[in-house]
């Protein structure tokens, strides 16, 4: 065997080993990434299965202030930092408008009292375990201020959606 043949064989084996290493490394990286993605998806689904809320009461005062009482009947707590991710939707009849219904998404604010077309937390009770977090078996009262005003003697609708997509809705009467 000549030196050229031996050198070519060594180069071929080195390329084969390097290619096998790259293939194994990329396979392990891909499997790790997929495993992490499946775990995150499973955690999200598990959180949804354990989350449940219920609207207990809705009352309207001064034609623009809506008070909503919500029970956390699930097993998942909603952190104070996640209140901004709670979506509130309101559908109601506008004062003085002929068939003037409006549908609004109402964003969260920490200001008390809330500005027009915002909502804030009034109270959470009993709030002894994790203060300012909406824990299981607790009740949260929120205050929604809307503008334009709500027509008296009409029916409206409200929907509250948790950060992970679980919702509760209720009609209200003025």
N, C-alpha and C. Protein backbone atom coordinates (compact mmCIF):
# COMPACT_ATOMS: atom_id res chain seq x y z
N UNK A 1 0.82 -1.15 0.00
CA UNK A 1 0.00 0.00 0.00
C UNK A 1 0.88 1.24 0.00
N UNK A 2 0.50 2.16 -0.83
CA UNK A 2 1.32 3.37 -0.93
C UNK A 2 0.86 4.41 0.10
N UNK A 3 1.72 5.41 0.28
CA UNK A 3 1.43 6.45 1.26
C UNK A 3 0.16 7.22 0.89
N UNK A 4 -0.12 7.45 -0.36
CA UNK A 4 -1.30 8.17 -0.83
C UNK A 4 -2.58 7.45 -0.45
N UNK A 5 -2.57 6.13 -0.58
CA UNK A 5 -3.75 5.34 -0.24
C UNK A 5 -4.00 5.37 1.26
N UNK A 6 -2.93 5.25 2.05
CA UNK A 6 -3.06 5.29 3.51
C UNK A 6 -3.57 6.66 3.95
N UNK A 7 -3.04 7.74 3.37
CA UNK A 7 -3.47 9.10 3.70
C UNK A 7 -4.94 9.31 3.35
N UNK A 8 -5.36 8.83 2.19
CA UNK A 8 -6.76 8.97 1.76
C UNK A 8 -7.68 8.21 2.71
N UNK A 9 -7.24 7.02 3.16
CA UNK A 9 -8.05 6.23 4.08
C UNK A 9 -8.18 6.94 5.43
N UNK A 10 -7.09 7.52 5.92
CA UNK A 10 -7.11 8.26 7.19
C UNK A 10 -8.03 9.47 7.09
N UNK A 11 -7.96 10.22 5.98
CA UNK A 11 -8.82 11.39 5.78
C UNK A 11 -10.28 10.95 5.71
N UNK A 12 -10.55 9.85 5.00
CA UNK A 12 -11.92 9.35 4.88
C UNK A 12 -12.48 8.95 6.24
N UNK A 13 -11.70 8.24 7.04
CA UNK A 13 -12.14 7.82 8.38
C UNK A 13 -12.36 9.04 9.27
N UNK A 14 -11.48 10.06 9.17
CA UNK A 14 -11.63 11.27 9.97
C UNK A 14 -12.91 12.01 9.59
N UNK A 15 -13.17 12.10 8.29
CA UNK A 15 -14.41 12.76 7.83
C UNK A 15 -15.63 11.97 8.29
N UNK A 16 -15.55 10.66 8.24
CA UNK A 16 -16.65 9.80 8.68
C UNK A 16 -16.92 9.98 10.17
N UNK A 17 -15.86 10.03 10.99
CA UNK A 17 -16.01 10.22 12.44
C UNK A 17 -16.58 11.61 12.73
N UNK A 18 -16.06 12.63 12.06
CA UNK A 18 -16.55 14.00 12.27
C UNK A 18 -18.02 14.13 11.86
N UNK A 19 -18.40 13.52 10.75
CA UNK A 19 -19.79 13.57 10.29
C UNK A 19 -20.70 12.84 11.27
N UNK A 20 -20.25 11.72 11.79
CA UNK A 20 -21.04 10.99 12.78
C UNK A 20 -21.21 11.82 14.05
N UNK A 21 -20.16 12.51 14.47
CA UNK A 21 -20.22 13.38 15.64
C UNK A 21 -21.23 14.51 15.42
N UNK A 22 -21.19 15.16 14.25
CA UNK A 22 -22.13 16.24 13.95
C UNK A 22 -23.57 15.73 13.93
N UNK A 23 -23.78 14.57 13.34
CA UNK A 23 -25.12 13.99 13.29
C UNK A 23 -25.63 13.68 14.70
N UNK A 24 -24.80 13.07 15.53
CA UNK A 24 -25.20 12.74 16.89
C UNK A 24 -25.48 14.00 17.71
N UNK A 25 -24.61 15.00 17.59
CA UNK A 25 -24.79 16.25 18.32
C UNK A 25 -26.08 16.96 17.92
N UNK A 26 -26.33 17.06 16.63
CA UNK A 26 -27.56 17.74 16.18
C UNK A 26 -28.80 16.95 16.57
N UNK A 27 -28.73 15.63 16.58
CA UNK A 27 -29.86 14.81 16.99
C UNK A 27 -30.15 15.02 18.47
N UNK A 28 -29.12 15.05 19.30
CA UNK A 28 -29.31 15.27 20.74
C UNK A 28 -29.88 16.66 20.99
N UNK A 29 -29.37 17.68 20.28
CA UNK A 29 -29.88 19.05 20.44
C UNK A 29 -31.35 19.12 20.04
N UNK A 30 -31.70 18.50 18.93
CA UNK A 30 -33.09 18.50 18.46
C UNK A 30 -34.01 17.80 19.45
N UNK A 31 -33.58 16.67 19.97
CA UNK A 31 -34.39 15.93 20.94
C UNK A 31 -34.57 16.74 22.22
N UNK A 32 -33.54 17.44 22.66
CA UNK A 32 -33.62 18.27 23.86
C UNK A 32 -34.61 19.42 23.64
N UNK A 33 -34.54 20.06 22.49
CA UNK A 33 -35.45 21.16 22.17
C UNK A 33 -36.89 20.67 22.12
N UNK A 34 -37.13 19.54 21.46
CA UNK A 34 -38.48 18.98 21.39
C UNK A 34 -38.98 18.60 22.77
N UNK A 35 -38.13 18.03 23.58
CA UNK A 35 -38.52 17.64 24.93
C UNK A 35 -38.95 18.86 25.74
N UNK A 36 -38.19 19.95 25.65
CA UNK A 36 -38.55 21.17 26.37
C UNK A 36 -39.87 21.75 25.85
N UNK A 37 -40.07 21.70 24.54
CA UNK A 37 -41.31 22.21 23.96
C UNK A 37 -42.51 21.39 24.42
N UNK A 38 -42.38 20.07 24.44
CA UNK A 38 -43.46 19.22 24.90
C UNK A 38 -43.76 19.47 26.38
N UNK A 39 -42.73 19.71 27.18
CA UNK A 39 -42.93 19.98 28.60
C UNK A 39 -43.68 21.30 28.79
N UNK A 40 -43.30 22.34 28.04
CA UNK A 40 -44.00 23.62 28.15
C UNK A 40 -45.45 23.50 27.72
N UNK A 41 -45.69 22.78 26.62
CA UNK A 41 -47.07 22.58 26.15
C UNK A 41 -47.88 21.81 27.17
N UNK A 42 -47.27 20.82 27.78
CA UNK A 42 -47.95 20.03 28.80
C UNK A 42 -48.25 20.88 30.03
N UNK A 43 -47.31 21.71 30.45
CA UNK A 43 -47.53 22.60 31.60
C UNK A 43 -48.66 23.58 31.32
N UNK A 44 -48.71 24.12 30.10
CA UNK A 44 -49.77 25.06 29.74
C UNK A 44 -51.13 24.36 29.77
N UNK A 45 -51.20 23.17 29.20
CA UNK A 45 -52.46 22.42 29.18
C UNK A 45 -52.87 22.04 30.60
N UNK A 46 -51.92 21.65 31.42
CA UNK A 46 -52.21 21.30 32.81
C UNK A 46 -52.74 22.52 33.57
N UNK A 47 -52.15 23.68 33.30
CA UNK A 47 -52.63 24.92 33.93
C UNK A 47 -54.06 25.24 33.52
N UNK A 48 -54.38 25.04 32.25
CA UNK A 48 -55.74 25.28 31.77
C UNK A 48 -56.73 24.33 32.44
N UNK A 49 -56.34 23.07 32.58
CA UNK A 49 -57.23 22.09 33.20
C UNK A 49 -57.51 22.43 34.67
N UNK A 50 -56.57 23.07 35.33
CA UNK A 50 -56.71 23.38 36.75
C UNK A 50 -57.28 24.78 37.00
N UNK A 51 -57.53 25.56 35.95
CA UNK A 51 -58.02 26.92 36.11
C UNK A 51 -59.53 26.95 35.88
N UNK A 52 -60.22 27.61 36.79
CA UNK A 52 -61.65 27.79 36.64
C UNK A 52 -62.08 29.02 37.43
N UNK A 53 -62.87 29.86 36.79
CA UNK A 53 -63.41 31.04 37.47
C UNK A 53 -64.92 31.07 37.26
N UNK A 54 -65.58 31.81 38.13
CA UNK A 54 -67.03 31.92 38.07
C UNK A 54 -67.43 33.34 38.43
N UNK A 55 -68.27 33.95 37.61
CA UNK A 55 -68.80 35.27 37.92
C UNK A 55 -70.02 35.07 38.83
N UNK A 56 -69.93 35.63 40.04
CA UNK A 56 -70.98 35.44 41.04
C UNK A 56 -72.02 36.55 40.96
N UNK A 57 -71.56 37.78 40.74
CA UNK A 57 -72.49 38.91 40.76
C UNK A 57 -71.95 40.02 39.85
N UNK A 58 -72.88 40.70 39.18
CA UNK A 58 -72.55 41.89 38.39
C UNK A 58 -73.58 42.95 38.74
N UNK A 59 -73.10 44.13 39.11
CA UNK A 59 -74.02 45.23 39.41
C UNK A 59 -73.53 46.50 38.73
N UNK A 60 -74.49 47.35 38.37
CA UNK A 60 -74.18 48.60 37.67
C UNK A 60 -74.68 49.75 38.53
N UNK A 61 -73.84 50.79 38.67
CA UNK A 61 -74.24 52.00 39.38
C UNK A 61 -73.81 53.21 38.57
N UNK A 62 -74.58 54.26 38.67
CA UNK A 62 -74.29 55.54 37.99
C UNK A 62 -74.14 55.38 36.48
N UNK A 63 -74.70 54.34 35.92
CA UNK A 63 -74.71 54.10 34.47
C UNK A 63 -73.32 53.99 33.84
N UNK A 64 -72.27 53.98 34.64
CA UNK A 64 -70.94 53.80 34.06
C UNK A 64 -69.99 52.99 34.94
N UNK A 65 -70.43 52.60 36.12
CA UNK A 65 -69.59 51.81 37.02
C UNK A 65 -70.17 50.41 37.15
N UNK A 66 -69.37 49.42 36.77
CA UNK A 66 -69.78 48.02 36.85
C UNK A 66 -68.91 47.34 37.90
N UNK A 67 -69.55 46.68 38.85
CA UNK A 67 -68.83 45.91 39.86
C UNK A 67 -69.07 44.44 39.57
N UNK A 68 -67.98 43.67 39.49
CA UNK A 68 -68.07 42.25 39.18
C UNK A 68 -67.39 41.47 40.30
N UNK A 69 -68.07 40.44 40.80
CA UNK A 69 -67.51 39.57 41.83
C UNK A 69 -67.20 38.23 41.17
N UNK A 70 -65.93 37.81 41.28
CA UNK A 70 -65.44 36.60 40.60
C UNK A 70 -64.89 35.64 41.65
N UNK A 71 -65.27 34.38 41.55
CA UNK A 71 -64.71 33.34 42.42
C UNK A 71 -63.66 32.55 41.65
N UNK A 72 -62.54 32.25 42.29
CA UNK A 72 -61.53 31.35 41.72
C UNK A 72 -61.88 29.95 42.22
N UNK A 73 -62.59 29.18 41.39
CA UNK A 73 -63.05 27.85 41.78
C UNK A 73 -62.09 26.75 41.32
N UNK A 74 -60.99 27.13 40.69
CA UNK A 74 -60.02 26.15 40.22
C UNK A 74 -58.90 25.93 41.22
N UNK A 75 -57.80 25.40 40.73
CA UNK A 75 -56.63 25.10 41.56
C UNK A 75 -55.42 25.96 41.22
N UNK A 76 -55.59 26.92 40.32
CA UNK A 76 -54.48 27.76 39.86
C UNK A 76 -54.62 29.17 40.42
N UNK A 77 -53.52 29.70 40.96
CA UNK A 77 -53.56 31.09 41.43
C UNK A 77 -53.17 32.02 40.28
N UNK A 78 -53.73 33.21 40.32
CA UNK A 78 -53.40 34.25 39.34
C UNK A 78 -52.62 35.31 40.09
N UNK A 79 -51.38 35.49 39.68
CA UNK A 79 -50.50 36.42 40.38
C UNK A 79 -50.90 37.87 40.11
N UNK A 80 -50.60 38.72 41.07
CA UNK A 80 -50.87 40.15 40.93
C UNK A 80 -50.22 40.72 39.66
N UNK A 81 -49.02 40.26 39.34
CA UNK A 81 -48.33 40.74 38.14
C UNK A 81 -49.03 40.31 36.86
N UNK A 82 -49.90 39.28 36.94
CA UNK A 82 -50.60 38.79 35.76
C UNK A 82 -51.98 39.41 35.58
N UNK A 83 -52.41 40.29 36.49
CA UNK A 83 -53.72 40.92 36.34
C UNK A 83 -53.81 41.69 35.02
N UNK A 84 -52.68 42.25 34.58
CA UNK A 84 -52.69 43.01 33.32
C UNK A 84 -52.97 42.11 32.12
N UNK A 85 -52.86 40.79 32.29
CA UNK A 85 -53.14 39.85 31.21
C UNK A 85 -54.56 39.29 31.28
N UNK A 86 -55.32 39.70 32.28
CA UNK A 86 -56.73 39.31 32.35
C UNK A 86 -57.51 40.21 31.40
N UNK A 87 -58.25 39.60 30.50
CA UNK A 87 -59.05 40.35 29.54
C UNK A 87 -60.48 40.47 30.05
N UNK A 88 -61.02 41.69 29.95
CA UNK A 88 -62.41 41.94 30.32
C UNK A 88 -63.09 42.54 29.09
N UNK A 89 -64.23 41.94 28.72
CA UNK A 89 -65.01 42.42 27.58
C UNK A 89 -66.39 42.80 28.07
N UNK A 90 -66.92 43.92 27.57
CA UNK A 90 -68.23 44.40 27.96
C UNK A 90 -69.03 44.73 26.71
N UNK A 91 -70.31 44.33 26.73
CA UNK A 91 -71.24 44.62 25.64
C UNK A 91 -72.47 45.25 26.29
N UNK A 92 -72.84 46.46 25.85
CA UNK A 92 -73.98 47.14 26.46
C UNK A 92 -74.57 48.16 25.51
N UNK A 93 -75.77 48.64 25.89
CA UNK A 93 -76.50 49.65 25.13
C UNK A 93 -76.07 51.04 25.59
N UNK A 94 -75.75 51.90 24.64
CA UNK A 94 -75.26 53.25 24.93
C UNK A 94 -76.44 54.18 25.22
N UNK A 95 -76.30 55.05 26.21
CA UNK A 95 -77.34 56.01 26.56
C UNK A 95 -77.65 56.90 25.37
N UNK A 96 -78.96 57.04 25.07
CA UNK A 96 -79.42 57.97 24.05
C UNK A 96 -79.22 57.53 22.62
N UNK A 97 -78.59 56.41 22.38
CA UNK A 97 -78.35 55.97 21.00
C UNK A 97 -79.43 54.97 20.60
N UNK A 98 -80.01 55.19 19.44
CA UNK A 98 -81.01 54.24 18.93
C UNK A 98 -80.29 52.98 18.48
N UNK A 99 -80.54 51.90 19.21
CA UNK A 99 -79.87 50.62 18.93
C UNK A 99 -78.36 50.80 18.88
N UNK A 100 -77.85 51.57 19.81
CA UNK A 100 -76.42 51.87 19.84
C UNK A 100 -75.66 51.00 20.81
N UNK A 101 -75.53 49.74 20.48
CA UNK A 101 -74.76 48.84 21.33
C UNK A 101 -73.27 48.99 21.06
N UNK A 102 -72.48 48.76 22.10
CA UNK A 102 -71.03 48.80 21.93
C UNK A 102 -70.42 47.55 22.57
N UNK A 103 -69.34 47.11 21.98
CA UNK A 103 -68.58 45.97 22.49
C UNK A 103 -67.17 46.45 22.71
N UNK A 104 -66.65 46.30 23.94
CA UNK A 104 -65.33 46.86 24.26
C UNK A 104 -64.46 45.85 24.99
N UNK A 105 -63.17 45.94 24.71
CA UNK A 105 -62.15 45.29 25.53
C UNK A 105 -61.71 46.34 26.54
N UNK A 106 -61.70 45.97 27.80
CA UNK A 106 -61.37 46.90 28.88
C UNK A 106 -60.02 46.50 29.48
N UNK A 107 -58.99 47.35 29.37
CA UNK A 107 -57.68 47.01 29.94
C UNK A 107 -57.62 47.25 31.45
N UNK A 108 -56.65 46.60 32.09
CA UNK A 108 -56.42 46.69 33.53
C UNK A 108 -55.62 47.94 33.87
N UNK A 109 -55.91 48.52 35.02
CA UNK A 109 -55.11 49.61 35.56
C UNK A 109 -54.97 49.40 37.06
N UNK A 110 -53.87 49.86 37.62
CA UNK A 110 -53.69 49.80 39.07
C UNK A 110 -54.27 51.03 39.75
N UNK A 111 -54.66 52.03 38.96
CA UNK A 111 -55.21 53.26 39.53
C UNK A 111 -56.56 52.99 40.18
N UNK A 112 -56.78 53.69 41.29
CA UNK A 112 -58.04 53.58 42.00
C UNK A 112 -58.52 54.98 42.34
N UNK A 113 -59.63 55.42 41.86
CA UNK A 113 -60.58 54.73 40.98
C UNK A 113 -60.04 54.62 39.55
N UNK A 114 -60.58 53.65 38.80
CA UNK A 114 -60.07 53.47 37.44
C UNK A 114 -60.50 54.60 36.52
N UNK A 115 -59.70 54.81 35.49
CA UNK A 115 -60.05 55.79 34.47
C UNK A 115 -61.19 55.22 33.63
N UNK A 116 -61.76 56.04 32.76
CA UNK A 116 -62.80 55.56 31.85
C UNK A 116 -62.25 54.43 30.99
N UNK A 117 -63.08 53.42 30.77
CA UNK A 117 -62.75 52.25 29.96
C UNK A 117 -61.52 51.50 30.48
N UNK A 118 -61.43 51.36 31.80
CA UNK A 118 -60.41 50.57 32.48
C UNK A 118 -61.06 49.81 33.64
N UNK A 119 -60.36 48.79 34.12
CA UNK A 119 -60.84 48.07 35.30
C UNK A 119 -59.70 47.94 36.30
N UNK A 120 -60.08 47.79 37.57
CA UNK A 120 -59.10 47.61 38.63
C UNK A 120 -59.66 46.66 39.69
N UNK A 121 -58.77 46.13 40.51
CA UNK A 121 -59.17 45.24 41.59
C UNK A 121 -59.57 46.10 42.80
N UNK A 122 -60.77 45.85 43.32
CA UNK A 122 -61.23 46.54 44.51
C UNK A 122 -60.77 45.78 45.75
N UNK A 123 -61.02 44.46 45.74
CA UNK A 123 -60.63 43.65 46.89
C UNK A 123 -60.52 42.18 46.50
N UNK A 124 -59.76 41.45 47.31
CA UNK A 124 -59.67 40.00 47.21
C UNK A 124 -59.90 39.48 48.63
N UNK A 125 -60.84 38.53 48.77
CA UNK A 125 -61.11 38.03 50.12
C UNK A 125 -61.38 36.53 50.11
N UNK A 126 -61.02 35.80 51.12
CA UNK A 126 -60.04 36.21 52.13
C UNK A 126 -58.66 36.24 51.48
N UNK A 127 -57.88 37.22 51.81
CA UNK A 127 -56.59 37.41 51.14
C UNK A 127 -55.45 37.24 52.14
N UNK A 128 -55.45 36.13 52.86
CA UNK A 128 -54.46 35.94 53.92
C UNK A 128 -53.27 35.09 53.50
N UNK A 129 -53.40 34.24 52.49
CA UNK A 129 -52.31 33.33 52.12
C UNK A 129 -51.25 34.04 51.28
N UNK A 130 -51.61 34.51 50.13
CA UNK A 130 -50.70 35.24 49.23
C UNK A 130 -51.33 36.60 48.95
N UNK A 131 -51.02 37.60 49.75
CA UNK A 131 -51.67 38.91 49.58
C UNK A 131 -51.55 39.46 48.16
N UNK A 132 -52.67 39.99 47.66
CA UNK A 132 -52.81 40.63 46.34
C UNK A 132 -52.73 39.63 45.18
N UNK A 133 -52.69 38.32 45.47
CA UNK A 133 -52.78 37.30 44.43
C UNK A 133 -54.16 36.67 44.52
N UNK A 134 -54.71 36.27 43.38
CA UNK A 134 -56.04 35.67 43.32
C UNK A 134 -55.89 34.16 43.41
N UNK A 135 -55.90 33.66 44.66
CA UNK A 135 -55.67 32.25 44.94
C UNK A 135 -56.96 31.44 44.81
N UNK A 136 -56.84 30.10 44.70
CA UNK A 136 -58.02 29.25 44.69
C UNK A 136 -58.87 29.49 45.95
N UNK A 137 -60.17 29.40 45.77
CA UNK A 137 -61.17 29.58 46.83
C UNK A 137 -61.23 31.02 47.34
N UNK A 138 -60.68 31.95 46.60
CA UNK A 138 -60.81 33.36 46.97
C UNK A 138 -61.80 34.04 46.03
N UNK A 139 -62.25 35.21 46.46
CA UNK A 139 -63.21 35.99 45.70
C UNK A 139 -62.59 37.35 45.40
N UNK A 140 -62.66 37.77 44.14
CA UNK A 140 -62.09 39.05 43.73
C UNK A 140 -63.22 39.95 43.23
N UNK A 141 -63.22 41.17 43.74
CA UNK A 141 -64.19 42.17 43.29
C UNK A 141 -63.44 43.17 42.40
N UNK A 142 -63.95 43.36 41.18
CA UNK A 142 -63.32 44.33 40.27
C UNK A 142 -64.31 45.45 39.96
N UNK A 143 -63.73 46.60 39.63
CA UNK A 143 -64.52 47.78 39.30
C UNK A 143 -64.18 48.17 37.87
N UNK A 144 -65.20 48.22 37.03
CA UNK A 144 -65.04 48.61 35.62
C UNK A 144 -65.74 49.94 35.43
N UNK A 145 -65.05 50.88 34.84
CA UNK A 145 -65.67 52.17 34.53
C UNK A 145 -65.73 52.31 33.01
N UNK A 146 -66.93 52.52 32.48
CA UNK A 146 -67.12 52.60 31.03
C UNK A 146 -67.64 53.97 30.63
N UNK A 147 -67.33 54.34 29.43
CA UNK A 147 -67.83 55.56 28.82
C UNK A 147 -67.93 55.30 27.33
N UNK A 148 -68.97 55.54 26.64
CA UNK A 148 -70.19 56.21 27.06
C UNK A 148 -70.99 55.39 28.06
N UNK A 149 -71.93 56.09 28.70
CA UNK A 149 -72.72 55.49 29.77
C UNK A 149 -73.63 54.38 29.27
N UNK A 150 -74.07 53.54 30.22
CA UNK A 150 -74.94 52.41 29.92
C UNK A 150 -76.40 52.86 30.03
N UNK A 151 -77.19 52.54 29.02
CA UNK A 151 -78.62 52.88 29.01
C UNK A 151 -79.33 52.11 30.13
N UNK A 152 -80.15 52.81 30.92
CA UNK A 152 -80.88 52.13 31.99
C UNK A 152 -82.01 51.29 31.41
N UNK A 153 -82.36 50.22 32.12
CA UNK A 153 -83.43 49.34 31.67
C UNK A 153 -83.03 48.40 30.54
N UNK A 154 -81.74 48.20 30.36
CA UNK A 154 -81.26 47.32 29.28
C UNK A 154 -80.44 46.18 29.85
N UNK A 155 -80.15 45.23 28.98
CA UNK A 155 -79.34 44.08 29.35
C UNK A 155 -77.96 44.21 28.72
N UNK A 156 -76.93 43.94 29.49
CA UNK A 156 -75.56 43.93 28.97
C UNK A 156 -74.92 42.58 29.22
N UNK A 157 -73.70 42.45 28.77
CA UNK A 157 -72.98 41.18 28.90
C UNK A 157 -71.53 41.47 29.23
N UNK A 158 -70.95 40.64 30.08
CA UNK A 158 -69.55 40.80 30.46
C UNK A 158 -68.85 39.45 30.39
N UNK A 159 -67.58 39.48 29.97
CA UNK A 159 -66.77 38.26 29.91
C UNK A 159 -65.41 38.57 30.50
N UNK A 160 -64.94 37.68 31.38
CA UNK A 160 -63.62 37.80 32.01
C UNK A 160 -62.80 36.59 31.58
N UNK A 161 -61.59 36.85 31.05
CA UNK A 161 -60.73 35.78 30.54
C UNK A 161 -59.40 35.81 31.30
N UNK A 162 -59.03 34.66 31.88
CA UNK A 162 -57.78 34.55 32.63
C UNK A 162 -56.58 34.60 31.68
N UNK A 163 -55.37 34.81 32.23
CA UNK A 163 -54.19 34.86 31.36
C UNK A 163 -53.95 33.59 30.53
N UNK A 164 -54.45 32.44 30.99
CA UNK A 164 -54.24 31.22 30.20
C UNK A 164 -55.45 30.84 29.36
N UNK A 165 -56.42 31.75 29.22
CA UNK A 165 -57.50 31.56 28.27
C UNK A 165 -58.81 31.00 28.81
N UNK A 166 -58.90 30.75 30.10
CA UNK A 166 -60.14 30.24 30.68
C UNK A 166 -61.05 31.44 30.97
N UNK A 167 -62.35 31.30 30.66
CA UNK A 167 -63.23 32.45 30.77
C UNK A 167 -64.52 32.13 31.52
N UNK A 168 -65.18 33.20 31.94
CA UNK A 168 -66.51 33.14 32.52
C UNK A 168 -67.26 34.37 32.01
N UNK A 169 -68.55 34.22 31.80
CA UNK A 169 -69.33 35.35 31.32
C UNK A 169 -70.66 35.40 32.04
N UNK A 170 -71.29 36.58 32.00
CA UNK A 170 -72.57 36.76 32.67
C UNK A 170 -73.29 37.95 32.05
N UNK A 171 -74.62 37.86 32.08
CA UNK A 171 -75.43 39.01 31.69
C UNK A 171 -75.60 39.90 32.90
N UNK A 172 -75.85 41.19 32.65
CA UNK A 172 -76.19 42.10 33.72
C UNK A 172 -77.35 42.98 33.26
N UNK A 173 -78.10 43.46 34.24
CA UNK A 173 -79.30 44.25 33.96
C UNK A 173 -79.16 45.60 34.65
N UNK A 174 -79.60 46.64 33.95
CA UNK A 174 -79.50 47.99 34.54
C UNK A 174 -80.87 48.51 34.90
